[in-house]
Each structure stands twice: as structure tokens, then as C-alpha cells.
Amino acid sequence: MPTSTPTQRRRLWPVFVMPGLVLLLAIGWCGFWYVASSQIDSQFQRWKEREAKAGRVYDCGQLSVGGFPFRFEVHCARASARFAAQTASQAAIDAKIAGIQVVAQVYNPKLLIAEFASPADVAPQGQPPMLARWSLAQASVYGLPEAPERVALVLDNPAVDRVASAAQMPFGRAKHLELHGRIAEGAINDHPLIDVALDLVGASAEGVHPVAAEPFDLNAQARISGLANFAPKPWPERFREIQAAGGNVQIVQSRLQQGDLIAVASGTLGLDANGQLSGELKMTVAGIEKVIPALGLDKILNGTVPQATLDRVAPGLKSQDVDNALNALDRLVPGLGGMVRQQAPSAMAAGVTMLGEKTTLEGKPAQAIPLRFADGGMFLGPVRLGDAPKLF
């Protein structure tokens, strides 16, 4: 009679080991995410306190956190900011925006990416308010909040209008804008050297200067030295620090193109004891004769330029002075004043082309002309273009 062997029982506990570990890991991850997300509000408050020391006061109407499980999404609704005057000639600015969303991946929390909702209301004190719009506005910051290593701002189709009596007047436009900054040498708290790069495509600034009313492209790279640290402080104080340390802004390279006009420049600019720019840029310009009609100088002698425009393109020149001088020529020799008016544009263009040395730029005839900043003024060769901004 055959004998039967007892059936061996299989151990079931190894089957539950892996699911149990996954469950424990999931519980731990959830706990980590919720603890970390609960710290965001306190970190935001500390960041606001640091920025307030630099004259930049931020507020958020409603702060919410999401993005579970693999990232943090911070949404600030009804955001507002107040910027104290950052230069001696600038007014304080109040700004409001519908919302800002900041995203950080859990596995790379040092990289923050922010997106800004359009539009924004901007109100400089003592000036007409402005309305800013864009199709895309993003900023990124790499590094810890207390010690950022590099920052970037990207705008697509930004447009700024002045708002007066319910009417909007164009102030500035661009198809694309990029601004990058990084610490090239040193550390954030130990004499950093800051590299800055700006790229503008299809930009215009009708509200700044007649020359800038036509679209232009600009690419520039610069290095800022003389900072003791980058602790929060107003820019006038920072500019004084740079001046006291003998620091400067080195324009490594820059290129501007506006139609047939092409200009490249490099050089070093510092600050004098009065807080104004000083130094010289070596400029090479092709198509410099285009500057005459762009500035409207050819119309000055024709008496067709309003005094407000003269104040911008030729400070101190009065329209009646020009008329009186030409009328005096007519009294001396009938028709002489009219002849001067007719010949003035070509004479001015010829005079401008003689300001510098002849050379070539990108295969085109050009002039090498120094752009100087001295005694509170900005000079193209011997010609004063206008006043230099006062930075402290």
C-alpha cells in the first residue's frame, strides 16, 4: 500500500515584503512632501523681509501650494510690488499683476521657474500709469534663495503703453527679450563679478527717444565689478559701493542694428563722485548718416520741430533762436537763410561722417567714433547727445 508524503507549505510572508516596502516608501514620500510644502509660506515671508531691505516690497493676495507628488507649484494670486527709487532720477513704482506661478522639481529644488500672467499695471509716482502686456513671461533662478547663482528673464511680445485719460499711447515694444545674469567669479557674499547678457529683437521705445522709435535689434554682454557682496540693498547704495571701490561696468561686446544702421561698441564705464557715468566706449558705426533724420536734426533748421522735441534731441536749443539766426541771414543777404535751410541736411550728414576715422564694418563703409560719458553728459565725438543718468 503506497504511503503519502505531507504537502510542504509555502512561506507567504516574502510575497508581502515588496508591496510593504513600496507602501512605507509612499507614506514617507507623502510625509516629506507635505512637511516641505508647509515650509513654503515661512520661506516666502523670510524672502519678503530680505527684499524689503533693498526697497522692494512684495505682497500676495492668496498663496496656494500644489504639485504633489513630484514637484512644488506655488501660485500667488493678486500679486503686488512696490519698488523704491533705484536711481537718483527714478521715481518709486507700484505694480500689480493677476498671478504668478513658481515651480520647483522635488529632485532639483535649487532650480525655480516662474511664469507671470499678463497684464500688469505699473504706476510710477508722479507719472502717468502704464499697462504692460506679453504673450509669455518666464523667469528662472538657480541656487538657494539666499545665494542665487544665476538668473534669467524671458519675454515674448512685451508691450508697454502709457495710460492717460483712458487712452493708451505706445511706450515700448519688442518681439523678444532675454536678460541673463550669473556670478562669474567670487561668491554672492564675497566680491562677486557679475556677468550680464541682454538680447532684444524687434524692439522700439517711442516714449524714450526719437532715435529708438524705429524697431532695432540689440545684443550686449557686460561684466560688473566693485561689489563687496550682493546682500539686499537699494541700487543707489550699491552704486556708491561700486564707485568707492573703483569698480566699473565693462561692455565686453554689443551690437545694435536698426535698418541700415549697424553699430558695435566695447569699453569700460565707471562712476564719478556725483554718481554719473564716466568713461568711453569705442564705437564703429555703419550708416551713421541715418542718425540725422532719426534725430530730426535736419528738420531743426526748417522750423518744423516742436520745442518739446528739441529739448530731447538738442537740450538748451530754442526754436526761436534758430529762426532768429536764419532771419538775420535773410536780412543781410536776401535768400541766404533759405539756402542754409536747404543745404543744412546734407551738410549735417557730411559733418557727422567726419566725426571719426573711416573704416569698415561687416563689409560696409563705417566710422570709428568714441562715445564718451563725462561731466554728466553723453558725447558722440564732440557732439553732446544728451544728459547721462544720475545713479546716486
Protein backbone atom coordinates (compact mmCIF):
# COMPACT_ATOMS: atom_id res chain seq x y z
CA MET A 1 0.00 0.00 0.00
CA PRO A 2 1.63 3.33 -1.10
CA THR A 3 2.41 5.92 1.51
CA SER A 4 1.61 9.68 1.05
CA THR A 5 4.08 12.47 1.87
CA PRO A 6 2.83 15.62 3.60
CA THR A 7 2.45 18.68 1.30
CA GLN A 8 5.06 21.35 2.05
CA ARG A 9 3.56 24.70 3.00
CA ARG A 10 4.86 27.72 1.02
CA ARG A 11 6.00 30.71 3.03
CA LEU A 12 3.72 33.65 2.22
CA TRP A 13 5.49 36.50 4.01
CA PRO A 14 8.12 37.16 1.25
CA VAL A 15 5.24 37.94 -1.11
CA PHE A 16 4.26 40.91 1.05
CA VAL A 17 7.78 42.32 1.55
CA MET A 18 8.00 44.33 -1.67
CA PRO A 19 4.46 45.80 -1.50
CA GLY A 20 5.11 46.67 2.13
CA LEU A 21 8.32 48.48 1.29
CA VAL A 22 6.57 50.38 -1.51
CA LEU A 23 3.79 51.34 0.89
CA LEU A 24 6.26 52.54 3.52
CA LEU A 25 8.16 54.50 0.87
CA ALA A 26 4.93 56.09 -0.37
CA ILE A 27 3.93 57.07 3.17
CA GLY A 28 7.38 58.51 3.80
CA TRP A 29 7.32 60.41 0.50
CA CYS A 30 3.89 61.86 1.28
CA GLY A 31 5.11 62.95 4.68
CA PHE A 32 8.22 64.55 3.19
CA TRP A 33 6.21 66.42 0.52
CA TYR A 34 3.66 67.79 2.98
CA VAL A 35 6.30 68.82 5.51
CA ALA A 36 8.36 70.53 2.80
CA SER A 37 5.32 72.26 1.30
CA SER A 38 4.30 73.55 4.72
CA GLN A 39 7.61 75.42 4.92
CA ILE A 40 6.99 77.38 1.71
CA ASP A 41 4.93 80.10 3.36
CA SER A 42 7.57 80.77 6.04
CA GLN A 43 10.32 80.80 3.39
CA PHE A 44 8.28 83.25 1.35
CA GLN A 45 7.93 85.54 4.38
CA ARG A 46 11.70 85.46 5.01
CA TRP A 47 12.36 86.24 1.34
CA LYS A 48 9.95 89.20 1.52
CA GLU A 49 11.80 90.53 4.58
CA ARG A 50 15.16 90.33 2.77
CA GLU A 51 13.79 92.06 -0.33
CA ALA A 52 12.20 94.81 1.77
CA LYS A 53 15.68 95.78 2.96
CA ALA A 54 16.50 96.59 -0.67
CA GLY A 55 13.41 98.74 -1.11
CA ARG A 56 11.41 96.06 -2.89
CA VAL A 57 8.17 95.25 -1.05
CA TYR A 58 6.17 92.27 -2.33
CA ASP A 59 2.75 91.01 -1.33
CA CYS A 60 0.47 88.15 -2.33
CA GLY A 61 -3.31 88.27 -2.06
CA GLN A 62 -3.62 84.48 -1.88
CA LEU A 63 -0.83 81.89 -1.71
CA SER A 64 -1.52 78.24 -2.55
CA VAL A 65 0.72 75.18 -2.93
CA GLY A 66 0.20 72.14 -5.17
CA GLY A 67 2.12 69.83 -7.48
CA PHE A 68 2.04 66.63 -5.39
CA PRO A 69 3.85 64.25 -5.63
CA PHE A 70 6.96 65.16 -7.68
CA ARG A 71 7.10 68.94 -7.68
CA PHE A 72 6.07 72.06 -5.82
CA GLU A 73 3.76 74.52 -7.55
CA VAL A 74 3.29 77.81 -5.74
CA HIS A 75 0.60 80.11 -7.08
CA CYS A 76 0.34 83.72 -5.94
CA ALA A 77 -2.94 85.39 -6.91
CA ARG A 78 -3.32 89.17 -6.95
CA ALA A 79 0.40 89.82 -6.58
CA SER A 80 1.67 93.35 -5.98
CA ALA A 81 5.02 95.04 -5.55
CA ARG A 82 6.39 98.43 -4.60
CA PHE A 83 9.87 99.36 -5.78
CA ALA A 84 11.63 102.26 -4.10
CA ALA A 85 13.58 104.62 -6.36
CA GLN A 86 16.57 102.62 -7.60
CA THR A 87 18.44 105.56 -9.14
CA ALA A 88 18.66 109.24 -8.26
CA SER A 89 16.45 110.18 -11.23
CA GLN A 90 13.89 107.39 -10.88
CA ALA A 91 10.58 107.56 -9.04
CA ALA A 92 9.12 104.83 -6.85
CA ILE A 93 6.96 102.32 -8.74
CA ASP A 94 3.86 100.37 -7.75
CA ALA A 95 2.95 97.27 -9.77
CA LYS A 96 0.06 94.81 -9.74
CA ILE A 97 -0.30 91.53 -11.61
CA ALA A 98 -3.10 88.96 -11.73
CA GLY A 99 -0.97 85.98 -10.79
CA ILE A 100 2.48 84.37 -10.60
CA GLN A 101 3.20 80.64 -10.60
CA VAL A 102 6.53 79.26 -9.37
CA VAL A 103 7.51 75.62 -9.98
CA ALA A 104 10.35 73.57 -8.47
CA GLN A 105 11.00 69.85 -9.04
CA VAL A 106 11.46 67.80 -5.88
CA TYR A 107 14.61 66.20 -7.30
CA ASN A 108 16.10 69.63 -8.21
CA PRO A 109 14.80 72.18 -5.68
CA LYS A 110 17.58 74.69 -6.46
CA LEU A 111 16.01 75.48 -9.86
CA LEU A 112 12.93 77.71 -9.68
CA ILE A 113 10.89 78.59 -12.78
CA ALA A 114 8.26 81.33 -12.58
CA GLU A 115 5.58 82.33 -15.08
CA PHE A 116 3.76 85.66 -14.93
CA ALA A 117 0.18 86.23 -16.02
CA SER A 118 -0.49 89.16 -18.35
CA PRO A 119 -1.20 92.07 -17.99
CA ALA A 120 0.48 94.14 -15.28
CA ASP A 121 -0.46 97.62 -14.05
CA VAL A 122 2.59 99.79 -13.40
CA ALA A 123 2.29 103.17 -11.71
CA PRO A 124 5.45 105.33 -11.39
CA GLN A 125 4.93 108.05 -8.81
CA GLY A 126 4.25 111.44 -10.36
CA GLN A 127 3.90 110.00 -13.89
CA PRO A 128 1.04 108.57 -15.97
CA PRO A 129 0.34 104.90 -15.19
CA MET A 130 1.46 102.18 -17.59
CA LEU A 131 -0.02 98.91 -18.81
CA ALA A 132 2.36 96.07 -19.64
CA ARG A 133 1.33 93.02 -21.67
CA TRP A 134 3.08 89.94 -23.09
CA SER A 135 2.34 86.58 -24.65
CA LEU A 136 4.90 84.79 -22.44
CA ALA A 137 6.88 85.92 -19.41
CA GLN A 138 9.13 83.46 -17.58
CA ALA A 139 11.94 83.81 -15.08
CA SER A 140 14.32 81.21 -13.69
CA VAL A 141 16.62 81.24 -10.67
CA TYR A 142 19.26 78.63 -9.93
CA GLY A 143 20.68 78.38 -6.42
CA LEU A 144 19.44 78.82 -2.89
CA PRO A 145 17.10 81.77 -2.18
CA GLU A 146 19.82 83.38 -0.04
CA ALA A 147 22.56 82.75 -2.63
CA PRO A 148 21.33 82.60 -6.25
CA GLU A 149 23.99 81.63 -8.77
CA ARG A 150 22.28 82.65 -12.00
CA VAL A 151 19.00 84.24 -13.06
CA ALA A 152 17.20 84.67 -16.37
CA LEU A 153 14.17 86.55 -17.66
CA VAL A 154 12.46 85.79 -20.99
CA LEU A 155 9.61 87.80 -22.53
CA ASP A 156 7.79 87.20 -25.80
CA ASN A 157 5.96 90.12 -27.43
CA PRO A 158 6.21 92.53 -24.47
CA ALA A 159 4.36 95.82 -24.95
CA VAL A 160 4.18 98.80 -22.61
CA ASP A 161 1.67 101.63 -23.03
CA ARG A 162 1.19 104.86 -21.13
CA VAL A 163 -2.39 105.30 -19.95
CA ALA A 164 -3.72 108.86 -19.91
CA SER A 165 -7.42 109.82 -19.77
CA ALA A 166 -8.46 106.28 -20.72
CA ALA A 167 -6.27 106.46 -23.85
CA GLN A 168 -3.24 104.22 -24.34
CA MET A 169 -0.11 105.60 -26.00
CA PRO A 170 2.70 103.22 -27.07
CA PHE A 171 5.81 103.49 -24.91
CA GLY A 172 7.84 100.39 -25.80
CA ARG A 173 7.58 97.18 -27.81
CA ALA A 174 9.66 94.10 -28.59
CA LYS A 175 9.23 90.75 -30.27
CA HIS A 176 11.58 89.03 -27.83
CA LEU A 177 13.60 89.98 -24.77
CA GLU A 178 16.12 87.93 -22.80
CA LEU A 179 18.13 89.03 -19.79
CA HIS A 180 20.66 86.72 -18.13
CA GLY A 181 22.88 87.22 -15.10
CA ARG A 182 25.38 84.94 -13.37
CA ILE A 183 28.22 85.03 -10.88
CA ALA A 184 31.38 84.71 -12.99
CA GLU A 185 33.92 84.88 -10.14
CA GLY A 186 33.87 85.15 -6.37
CA ALA A 187 30.79 84.36 -4.32
CA ILE A 188 27.49 86.06 -3.61
CA ASN A 189 28.85 87.40 -0.32
CA ASP A 190 32.50 87.82 -1.29
CA HIS A 191 33.26 90.36 -4.04
CA PRO A 192 31.32 88.75 -6.88
CA LEU A 193 31.93 89.57 -10.52
CA ILE A 194 28.57 89.61 -12.29
CA ASP A 195 28.16 88.76 -15.98
CA VAL A 196 25.06 90.21 -17.66
CA ALA A 197 23.74 89.49 -21.15
CA LEU A 198 20.86 91.26 -22.91
CA ASP A 199 19.17 90.27 -26.14
CA LEU A 200 16.43 92.40 -27.74
CA VAL A 201 14.69 91.53 -31.01
CA GLY A 202 12.38 93.91 -32.87
CA ALA A 203 12.41 96.43 -30.02
CA SER A 204 11.24 100.04 -30.12
CA ALA A 205 10.86 102.72 -27.47
CA GLU A 206 8.66 105.51 -28.76
CA GLY A 207 8.38 107.08 -25.32
CA VAL A 208 12.14 107.24 -24.67
CA HIS A 209 13.80 108.96 -27.65
CA PRO A 210 13.00 109.60 -31.34
CA VAL A 211 16.03 107.51 -32.36
CA ALA A 212 14.53 104.48 -30.61
CA ALA A 213 11.09 104.79 -32.23
CA GLU A 214 12.06 102.59 -35.20
CA PRO A 215 12.49 98.83 -34.49
CA PHE A 216 16.01 97.68 -33.65
CA ASP A 217 17.87 94.56 -32.50
CA LEU A 218 20.36 94.73 -29.64
CA ASN A 219 22.76 92.17 -28.23
CA ALA A 220 25.10 93.14 -25.38
CA GLN A 221 27.35 91.45 -22.83
CA ALA A 222 28.82 93.18 -19.79
CA ARG A 223 30.70 92.44 -16.56
CA ILE A 224 30.12 94.37 -13.32
CA SER A 225 32.93 94.65 -10.76
CA GLY A 226 33.36 96.52 -7.49
CA LEU A 227 30.62 94.86 -5.43
CA ALA A 228 31.54 93.83 -1.90
CA ASN A 229 28.60 91.43 -1.81
CA PHE A 230 25.11 91.03 -3.20
CA ALA A 231 23.24 91.40 0.07
CA PRO A 232 19.81 93.07 -0.26
CA LYS A 233 20.24 96.84 -0.53
CA PRO A 234 18.88 99.68 -2.71
CA TRP A 235 20.71 100.19 -6.01
CA PRO A 236 21.83 103.77 -5.19
CA GLU A 237 23.68 102.36 -2.20
CA ARG A 238 25.11 99.61 -4.40
CA PHE A 239 26.26 102.16 -7.00
CA ARG A 240 28.02 104.17 -4.26
CA GLU A 241 29.75 100.96 -3.20
CA ILE A 242 30.96 100.33 -6.76
CA GLN A 243 32.23 103.91 -7.11
CA ALA A 244 34.07 103.82 -3.77
CA ALA A 245 35.76 100.52 -4.70
CA GLY A 246 36.82 101.80 -8.13
CA GLY A 247 34.56 99.26 -9.80
CA ASN A 248 33.15 99.56 -13.29
CA VAL A 249 30.96 98.09 -15.96
CA GLN A 250 32.95 96.50 -18.76
CA ILE A 251 30.98 96.34 -22.01
CA VAL A 252 32.55 93.19 -23.39
CA GLN A 253 30.68 93.47 -26.68
CA SER A 254 27.49 94.97 -28.04
CA ARG A 255 25.81 95.15 -31.42
CA LEU A 256 22.83 97.26 -32.46
CA GLN A 257 21.09 97.16 -35.83
CA GLN A 258 18.29 99.47 -36.93
CA GLY A 259 17.56 99.14 -40.63
CA ASP A 260 20.79 100.03 -42.48
CA LEU A 261 22.36 101.41 -39.30
CA ILE A 262 24.75 98.97 -37.57
CA ALA A 263 26.79 99.87 -34.50
CA VAL A 264 29.17 97.80 -32.37
CA ALA A 265 30.80 99.03 -29.18
CA SER A 266 33.04 97.92 -26.33
CA GLY A 267 34.77 99.68 -23.48
CA THR A 268 34.61 100.43 -19.77
CA LEU A 269 32.32 102.77 -17.85
CA GLY A 270 32.74 103.86 -14.26
CA LEU A 271 31.03 106.28 -11.90
CA ASP A 272 32.26 109.71 -10.83
CA ALA A 273 31.84 111.23 -7.38
CA ASN A 274 28.49 112.74 -8.45
CA GLY A 275 27.04 109.35 -9.32
CA GLN A 276 27.14 109.87 -13.08
CA LEU A 277 28.66 107.67 -15.74
CA SER A 278 32.22 108.35 -16.86
CA GLY A 279 34.37 106.59 -19.41
CA GLU A 280 34.45 105.83 -23.08
CA LEU A 281 33.12 103.22 -25.47
CA LYS A 282 34.85 102.53 -28.76
CA MET A 283 32.08 102.56 -31.34
CA THR A 284 32.13 101.58 -35.01
CA VAL A 285 29.05 102.65 -36.93
CA ALA A 286 27.92 101.83 -40.45
CA GLY A 287 25.16 104.02 -41.89
CA ILE A 288 25.76 106.80 -39.39
CA GLU A 289 24.22 109.30 -41.81
CA LYS A 290 20.89 107.69 -40.87
CA VAL A 291 21.25 109.33 -37.45
CA ILE A 292 20.45 112.78 -38.87
CA PRO A 293 16.83 112.08 -39.89
CA ALA A 294 16.39 109.73 -36.92
CA LEU A 295 17.27 112.55 -34.52
CA GLY A 296 15.29 115.06 -36.53
CA LEU A 297 18.28 117.40 -36.72
CA ASP A 298 17.64 118.01 -40.41
CA LYS A 299 14.23 119.47 -39.51
CA ILE A 300 15.50 121.86 -36.86
CA LEU A 301 16.59 124.47 -39.38
CA ASN A 302 13.30 124.09 -41.24
CA GLY A 303 11.40 125.16 -38.13
CA THR A 304 9.25 122.01 -38.14
CA VAL A 305 10.42 120.55 -34.84
CA PRO A 306 8.37 121.35 -31.69
CA GLN A 307 10.26 122.75 -28.72
CA ALA A 308 9.47 119.59 -26.72
CA THR A 309 11.37 117.53 -29.30
CA LEU A 310 14.27 119.99 -29.32
CA ASP A 311 14.53 119.64 -25.56
CA ARG A 312 15.09 115.91 -26.02
CA VAL A 313 17.40 115.84 -29.05
CA ALA A 314 19.24 119.14 -28.50
CA PRO A 315 18.95 120.27 -24.87
CA GLY A 316 19.26 124.04 -24.47
CA LEU A 317 18.47 124.88 -28.09
CA LYS A 318 15.43 127.11 -28.56
CA SER A 319 13.41 127.06 -31.76
CA GLN A 320 13.12 130.86 -31.78
CA ASP A 321 16.92 131.14 -31.60
CA VAL A 322 17.22 129.13 -34.82
CA ASP A 323 14.53 131.20 -36.54
CA ASN A 324 16.09 134.50 -35.41
CA ALA A 325 19.53 133.48 -36.71
CA LEU A 326 18.22 132.47 -40.13
CA ASN A 327 16.03 135.55 -40.41
CA ALA A 328 19.09 137.67 -39.66
CA LEU A 329 20.89 135.99 -42.57
CA ASP A 330 17.95 136.83 -44.84
CA ARG A 331 18.14 140.47 -43.81
CA LEU A 332 21.84 140.61 -44.59
CA VAL A 333 21.61 138.75 -47.88
CA PRO A 334 18.08 138.05 -49.16
CA GLY A 335 17.60 134.31 -49.66
CA LEU A 336 20.70 133.30 -47.68
CA GLY A 337 18.65 131.93 -44.78
CA GLY A 338 16.58 129.79 -47.14
CA MET A 339 19.74 128.48 -48.79
CA VAL A 340 21.13 127.47 -45.40
CA ARG A 341 17.86 125.67 -44.66
CA GLN A 342 18.08 123.73 -47.93
CA GLN A 343 21.73 122.82 -47.55
CA ALA A 344 21.59 122.02 -43.83
CA PRO A 345 20.60 118.34 -44.01
CA SER A 346 23.37 117.34 -46.42
CA ALA A 347 25.88 119.49 -44.54
CA MET A 348 24.92 117.89 -41.22
CA ALA A 349 25.20 114.39 -42.70
CA ALA A 350 28.64 115.19 -44.11
CA GLY A 351 29.70 116.66 -40.79
CA VAL A 352 28.60 113.59 -38.85
CA THR A 353 30.55 111.25 -41.15
CA MET A 354 33.67 113.32 -40.45
CA LEU A 355 33.46 112.87 -36.68
CA GLY A 356 35.52 109.68 -36.64
CA GLU A 357 38.01 107.63 -38.61
CA LYS A 358 36.87 105.82 -41.73
CA THR A 359 36.81 102.04 -41.51
CA THR A 360 34.56 99.11 -42.47
CA LEU A 361 32.01 97.13 -40.51
CA GLU A 362 30.57 93.88 -41.79
CA GLY A 363 31.70 94.83 -45.28
CA LYS A 364 30.11 98.31 -45.19
CA PRO A 365 31.76 101.75 -45.01
CA ALA A 366 31.80 102.89 -41.39
CA GLN A 367 33.21 105.41 -38.93
CA ALA A 368 35.03 104.63 -35.70
CA ILE A 369 33.75 107.21 -33.19
CA PRO A 370 34.24 107.35 -29.40
CA LEU A 371 31.09 107.53 -27.28
CA ARG A 372 32.12 109.42 -24.15
CA PHE A 373 30.44 109.92 -20.80
CA ALA A 374 31.80 112.90 -18.89
CA ASP A 375 30.61 115.80 -16.74
CA GLY A 376 27.07 114.49 -16.67
CA GLY A 377 26.79 114.35 -20.47
CA MET A 378 26.90 111.78 -23.27
CA PHE A 379 29.02 112.74 -26.29
CA LEU A 380 29.39 111.25 -29.77
CA GLY A 381 32.79 112.60 -30.66
CA PRO A 382 32.49 116.34 -29.88
CA VAL A 383 28.69 116.35 -30.20
CA ARG A 384 26.67 116.25 -26.99
CA LEU A 385 23.79 113.80 -27.37
CA GLY A 386 22.15 114.44 -24.03
CA ASP A 387 22.48 114.05 -20.27
CA ALA A 388 23.83 110.90 -18.64
CA PRO A 389 21.60 109.41 -15.91
CA LYS A 390 22.48 110.15 -12.30
CA LEU A 391 22.71 106.82 -10.45
CA PHE A 392 23.12 108.08 -6.88
